Structure formats: structure tokens, C-alpha cells
Amino acid sequence: LFTMLLVVTSNNLIVMWAAIEATTLSSAFLVGIYGQRSSLEAAWKYIIICTVGVAFGLFGTVLVYANAASVMPQAEMAIFWSEVLKQ
């Protein structure tokens, strides 16, 4: 639950992406906790599908950072959402 809250409240792009990944892992644990073979299979499928989605999310995050860094006077500030929204 904390990682889901961290995704929404994070101002830093790196922390946000790491929290999304942690949310995926904790959710996969909850899917597979039941202990049956079918729930373990579902947890692995969930991890595989979410890994593809998180990879696309990482690509989008890199694109946002690259575009923001190119138009901001201080490129290192492009990692913060509050600074990106000011531009």
C-alpha cells in the first residue's frame, strides 16, 4: 500500500518509477500467496505482463526527462515533476 501511495505523491521521476516497480512486485506476492499451483502460475504471468508494461513506462519516463531536460535551463532539475510543470 505504501508503494502505491508513493507513486502518486512522488515528485521525483526515479522514485516514482522505482515505486511502480515495487508495487508490481508486492502485487505479485499478493496474487501468489494463496499457495496453490494456479495462484503461483497467475503470479508469474502477472510478473511477466507487468514487466512489459513497466518497461514501456520506463521508456516513457525517459522520453519525458529527455524532452524536459532539453528545454529547461538547468537540465538536472528536469527530474522533478514540479519543475517540469512550471515549463
Protein backbone atom coordinates (compact mmCIF):
# COMPACT_ATOMS: atom_id res chain seq x y z
CA LEU A 1 0.00 0.00 0.00
CA PHE A 2 2.87 2.35 0.77
CA THR A 3 4.37 1.91 -2.69
CA MET A 4 1.05 2.79 -4.34
CA LEU A 5 0.88 5.96 -2.24
CA LEU A 6 4.50 6.76 -3.09
CA VAL A 7 3.77 6.58 -6.83
CA VAL A 8 1.08 9.23 -6.52
CA THR A 9 2.91 11.56 -4.13
CA SER A 10 6.43 11.35 -5.56
CA ASN A 11 7.93 14.47 -7.09
CA ASN A 12 10.98 12.65 -8.43
CA LEU A 13 10.79 10.63 -11.67
CA ILE A 14 13.26 7.99 -10.47
CA VAL A 15 11.49 7.44 -7.15
CA MET A 16 8.17 7.25 -8.98
CA TRP A 17 9.42 4.56 -11.36
CA ALA A 18 11.02 2.56 -8.53
CA ALA A 19 7.74 2.72 -6.60
CA ILE A 20 5.83 1.47 -9.64
CA GLU A 21 8.21 -1.49 -9.85
CA ALA A 22 7.83 -2.17 -6.12
CA THR A 23 4.04 -2.04 -6.50
CA THR A 24 4.28 -4.69 -9.20
CA LEU A 25 6.38 -6.98 -7.03
CA SER A 26 4.19 -6.59 -3.94
CA SER A 27 1.05 -7.19 -6.00
CA ALA A 28 2.58 -10.35 -7.49
CA PHE A 29 3.28 -11.57 -3.98
CA LEU A 30 -0.36 -11.00 -3.05
CA VAL A 31 -1.53 -12.89 -6.14
CA GLY A 32 0.67 -15.89 -5.39
CA ILE A 33 0.21 -16.04 -1.61
CA TYR A 34 -2.74 -18.45 -1.74
CA GLY A 35 -0.38 -21.38 -2.13
CA GLN A 36 -1.99 -23.33 -4.93
CA ARG A 37 -0.36 -24.15 -8.23
CA SER A 38 -2.82 -21.97 -10.15
CA SER A 39 -2.10 -18.92 -7.98
CA LEU A 40 1.64 -19.38 -8.42
CA GLU A 41 1.14 -19.60 -12.18
CA ALA A 42 -1.02 -16.47 -12.09
CA ALA A 43 1.67 -14.63 -10.11
CA TRP A 44 4.33 -15.50 -12.70
CA LYS A 45 2.08 -14.44 -15.56
CA TYR A 46 1.35 -11.20 -13.71
CA ILE A 47 5.06 -10.50 -13.28
CA ILE A 48 5.78 -11.17 -16.96
CA ILE A 49 2.92 -8.99 -18.21
CA CYS A 50 3.67 -6.18 -15.77
CA THR A 51 7.36 -6.25 -16.64
CA VAL A 52 6.49 -5.47 -20.24
CA GLY A 53 4.20 -2.65 -19.10
CA VAL A 54 6.79 -1.24 -16.70
CA ALA A 55 9.39 -1.34 -19.49
CA PHE A 56 7.10 0.83 -21.63
CA GLY A 57 6.59 3.07 -18.60
CA LEU A 58 10.34 3.42 -18.17
CA PHE A 59 10.68 4.31 -21.85
CA GLY A 60 8.00 7.00 -21.45
CA THR A 61 9.69 8.34 -18.32
CA VAL A 62 13.00 8.58 -20.16
CA LEU A 63 11.28 10.45 -23.00
CA VAL A 64 9.67 12.90 -20.56
CA TYR A 65 13.02 13.51 -18.88
CA ALA A 66 14.88 13.94 -22.18
CA ASN A 67 12.36 16.41 -23.54
CA ALA A 68 12.17 18.36 -20.28
CA ALA A 69 15.96 18.49 -19.96
CA SER A 70 16.28 19.90 -23.46
CA VAL A 71 14.03 22.90 -22.76
CA MET A 72 14.93 23.66 -19.14
CA PRO A 73 17.80 26.00 -18.28
CA GLN A 74 19.11 23.53 -15.66
CA ALA A 75 18.87 20.00 -17.04
CA GLU A 76 19.30 18.34 -13.64
CA MET A 77 16.02 19.92 -12.47
CA ALA A 78 14.09 18.02 -15.17
CA ILE A 79 13.86 15.03 -12.85
CA PHE A 80 11.31 16.81 -10.62
CA TRP A 81 7.66 16.91 -11.71
CA SER A 82 7.10 20.32 -10.09
CA GLU A 83 9.87 21.85 -12.21
CA VAL A 84 8.66 20.16 -15.40
CA LEU A 85 5.14 21.51 -14.89
CA LYS A 86 6.49 25.07 -14.49
CA GLN A 87 7.89 24.99 -18.04
